[in-house]
Amino acid sequence: MSNRRHVIVTLICAVMLLSMFVSSAYIAHEATHRHECTGENCPVCQFIAQVEQARRGFGMILLALLLICFALALRRDWRAFASASLTASVTPVSRKIRLNN
C-alpha cells in the first residue's frame, strides 16, 4: 500500500511541475510576441494573472515544506546529541561498578 501511495504522490508532483512549466512557457511566448490586450476581459491577461497567483501559492508551500524539513533535521540532530551526551555521562565508575581483572 505504501508503494502505491508513493507512486500517486510522484505522479501528482510531476503533473504540477509540468503544468507550471507549460504555463511559464506560454507566458514567455506571449511576452516575446508582444501580446495585444483586447481590454478588461482579455483571456490571455486573465491566464497570466492566474499563473502568477499559483506561483505565489507554490512558493509559500515550498517555503513551508523547507521550514518543516529544517525543523525535523534540527530535531533529529538534537535527539542524537542528547542521546550521545546521556550515554557519555554514564560510566562504570559513575555506576559504582567494580572492575576486577
C-alpha atoms as a PDB file:
ATOM      1  CA  MET A   1       0.000   0.000   0.000  1.00  0.00           C
ATOM      2  CA  SER A   2       2.843   2.347   0.780  1.00  0.00           C
ATOM      3  CA  ASN A   3       4.434   1.827  -2.635  1.00  0.00           C
ATOM      4  CA  ARG A   4       1.131   2.702  -4.338  1.00  0.00           C
ATOM      5  CA  ARG A   5       0.915   5.897  -2.299  1.00  0.00           C
ATOM      6  CA  HIS A   6       4.450   6.895  -3.342  1.00  0.00           C
ATOM      7  CA  VAL A   7       3.556   6.392  -6.993  1.00  0.00           C
ATOM      8  CA  ILE A   8       0.425   8.531  -6.664  1.00  0.00           C
ATOM      9  CA  VAL A   9       2.315  11.319  -4.885  1.00  0.00           C
ATOM     10  CA  THR A  10       5.060  11.219  -7.509  1.00  0.00           C
ATOM     11  CA  LEU A  11       2.520  11.460 -10.327  1.00  0.00           C
ATOM     12  CA  ILE A  12       0.753  14.400  -8.681  1.00  0.00           C
ATOM     13  CA  CYS A  13       4.069  16.231  -8.241  1.00  0.00           C
ATOM     14  CA  ALA A  14       5.016  15.522 -11.855  1.00  0.00           C
ATOM     15  CA  VAL A  15       1.681  16.871 -13.137  1.00  0.00           C
ATOM     16  CA  MET A  16       2.018  20.023 -11.014  1.00  0.00           C
ATOM     17  CA  LEU A  17       5.580  20.560 -12.203  1.00  0.00           C
ATOM     18  CA  LEU A  18       4.598  20.004 -15.833  1.00  0.00           C
ATOM     19  CA  SER A  19       1.665  22.413 -15.564  1.00  0.00           C
ATOM     20  CA  MET A  20       3.898  25.112 -14.088  1.00  0.00           C
ATOM     21  CA  PHE A  21       6.478  24.574 -16.843  1.00  0.00           C
ATOM     22  CA  VAL A  22       3.905  24.690 -19.649  1.00  0.00           C
ATOM     23  CA  SER A  23       2.182  27.783 -18.265  1.00  0.00           C
ATOM     24  CA  SER A  24       5.537  29.538 -17.837  1.00  0.00           C
ATOM     25  CA  ALA A  25       6.430  28.682 -21.424  1.00  0.00           C
ATOM     26  CA  TYR A  26       3.091  30.111 -22.578  1.00  0.00           C
ATOM     27  CA  ILE A  27       3.710  33.343 -20.671  1.00  0.00           C
ATOM     28  CA  ALA A  28       7.195  33.611 -22.165  1.00  0.00           C
ATOM     29  CA  HIS A  29       5.759  33.007 -25.634  1.00  0.00           C
ATOM     30  CA  GLU A  30       3.154  35.753 -25.189  1.00  0.00           C
ATOM     31  CA  ALA A  31       5.733  38.153 -23.754  1.00  0.00           C
ATOM     32  CA  THR A  32       8.132  37.706 -26.673  1.00  0.00           C
ATOM     33  CA  HIS A  33       5.403  38.097 -29.318  1.00  0.00           C
ATOM     34  CA  ARG A  34       4.141  41.368 -27.867  1.00  0.00           C
ATOM     35  CA  HIS A  35       0.677  40.399 -26.725  1.00  0.00           C
ATOM     36  CA  GLU A  36      -2.016  42.836 -27.802  1.00  0.00           C
ATOM     37  CA  CYS A  37      -4.514  43.150 -24.987  1.00  0.00           C
ATOM     38  CA  THR A  38      -8.180  43.280 -26.043  1.00  0.00           C
ATOM     39  CA  GLY A  39      -9.401  45.036 -22.927  1.00  0.00           C
ATOM     40  CA  GLU A  40     -10.638  44.162 -19.462  1.00  0.00           C
ATOM     41  CA  ASN A  41     -11.809  40.651 -20.362  1.00  0.00           C
ATOM     42  CA  CYS A  42      -8.653  39.590 -22.172  1.00  0.00           C
ATOM     43  CA  PRO A  43      -8.288  35.797 -21.694  1.00  0.00           C
ATOM     44  CA  VAL A  44      -4.503  35.913 -22.043  1.00  0.00           C
ATOM     45  CA  CYS A  45      -4.124  38.531 -19.308  1.00  0.00           C
ATOM     46  CA  GLN A  46      -6.508  36.586 -17.042  1.00  0.00           C
ATOM     47  CA  PHE A  47      -4.497  33.395 -17.596  1.00  0.00           C
ATOM     48  CA  ILE A  48      -1.236  35.198 -16.802  1.00  0.00           C
ATOM     49  CA  ALA A  49      -2.760  36.556 -13.570  1.00  0.00           C
ATOM     50  CA  GLN A  50      -3.926  33.054 -12.569  1.00  0.00           C
ATOM     51  CA  VAL A  51      -0.487  31.575 -13.232  1.00  0.00           C
ATOM     52  CA  GLU A  52       1.214  34.283 -11.176  1.00  0.00           C
ATOM     53  CA  GLN A  53      -1.191  33.626  -8.303  1.00  0.00           C
ATOM     54  CA  ALA A  54      -0.490  29.876  -8.499  1.00  0.00           C
ATOM     55  CA  ARG A  55       3.257  30.546  -8.480  1.00  0.00           C
ATOM     56  CA  ARG A  56       2.933  32.614  -5.316  1.00  0.00           C
ATOM     57  CA  GLY A  57       0.921  29.809  -3.726  1.00  0.00           C
ATOM     58  CA  PHE A  58       3.502  27.184  -4.705  1.00  0.00           C
ATOM     59  CA  GLY A  59       6.249  29.424  -3.369  1.00  0.00           C
ATOM     60  CA  MET A  60       4.556  29.619   0.022  1.00  0.00           C
ATOM     61  CA  ILE A  61       4.013  25.844   0.067  1.00  0.00           C
ATOM     62  CA  LEU A  62       7.660  25.283  -0.836  1.00  0.00           C
ATOM     63  CA  LEU A  63       8.784  27.649   1.910  1.00  0.00           C
ATOM     64  CA  ALA A  64       6.606  25.850   4.457  1.00  0.00           C
ATOM     65  CA  LEU A  65       7.982  22.459   3.382  1.00  0.00           C
ATOM     66  CA  LEU A  66      11.557  23.705   3.660  1.00  0.00           C
ATOM     67  CA  LEU A  67      10.895  25.047   7.152  1.00  0.00           C
ATOM     68  CA  ILE A  68       9.346  21.735   8.217  1.00  0.00           C
ATOM     69  CA  CYS A  69      12.313  19.786   6.818  1.00  0.00           C
ATOM     70  CA  PHE A  70      14.724  22.110   8.617  1.00  0.00           C
ATOM     71  CA  ALA A  71      12.836  21.721  11.903  1.00  0.00           C
ATOM     72  CA  LEU A  72      12.792  17.926  11.570  1.00  0.00           C
ATOM     73  CA  ALA A  73      16.524  17.874  10.824  1.00  0.00           C
ATOM     74  CA  LEU A  74      17.217  20.024  13.886  1.00  0.00           C
ATOM     75  CA  ARG A  75      15.034  17.750  15.984  1.00  0.00           C
ATOM     76  CA  ARG A  76      16.902  14.663  14.748  1.00  0.00           C
ATOM     77  CA  ASP A  77      20.270  16.272  15.443  1.00  0.00           C
ATOM     78  CA  TRP A  78      19.140  17.392  18.883  1.00  0.00           C
ATOM     79  CA  ARG A  79      17.975  13.886  19.764  1.00  0.00           C
ATOM     80  CA  ALA A  80      21.272  12.414  18.553  1.00  0.00           C
ATOM     81  CA  PHE A  81      23.195  14.962  20.614  1.00  0.00           C
ATOM     82  CA  ALA A  82      21.053  14.343  23.695  1.00  0.00           C
ATOM     83  CA  SER A  83      21.389  10.567  23.476  1.00  0.00           C
ATOM     84  CA  ALA A  84      25.153  10.849  22.936  1.00  0.00           C
ATOM     85  CA  SER A  85      25.544  13.104  25.956  1.00  0.00           C
ATOM     86  CA  LEU A  86      23.470  10.762  28.115  1.00  0.00           C
ATOM     87  CA  THR A  87      25.475   7.700  27.152  1.00  0.00           C
ATOM     88  CA  ALA A  88      28.769   9.521  27.657  1.00  0.00           C
ATOM     89  CA  SER A  89      27.862  10.610  31.200  1.00  0.00           C
ATOM     90  CA  VAL A  90      27.106   7.054  32.362  1.00  0.00           C
ATOM     91  CA  THR A  91      30.352   5.214  33.076  1.00  0.00           C
ATOM     92  CA  PRO A  92      31.184   2.159  35.155  1.00  0.00           C
ATOM     93  CA  VAL A  93      32.785   4.432  37.733  1.00  0.00           C
ATOM     94  CA  SER A  94      29.691   6.643  37.965  1.00  0.00           C
ATOM     95  CA  ARG A  95      27.566   3.498  38.383  1.00  0.00           C
ATOM     96  CA  LYS A  96      29.992   2.279  41.092  1.00  0.00           C
ATOM     97  CA  ILE A  97      30.769  -0.970  39.299  1.00  0.00           C
ATOM     98  CA  ARG A  98      33.933  -2.681  40.413  1.00  0.00           C
ATOM     99  CA  LEU A  99      36.130  -3.867  37.546  1.00  0.00           C
ATOM    100  CA  ASN A 100      38.203  -6.885  38.562  1.00  0.00           C
ATOM    101  CA  ASN A 101      40.867  -8.288  36.275  1.00  0.00           C
END
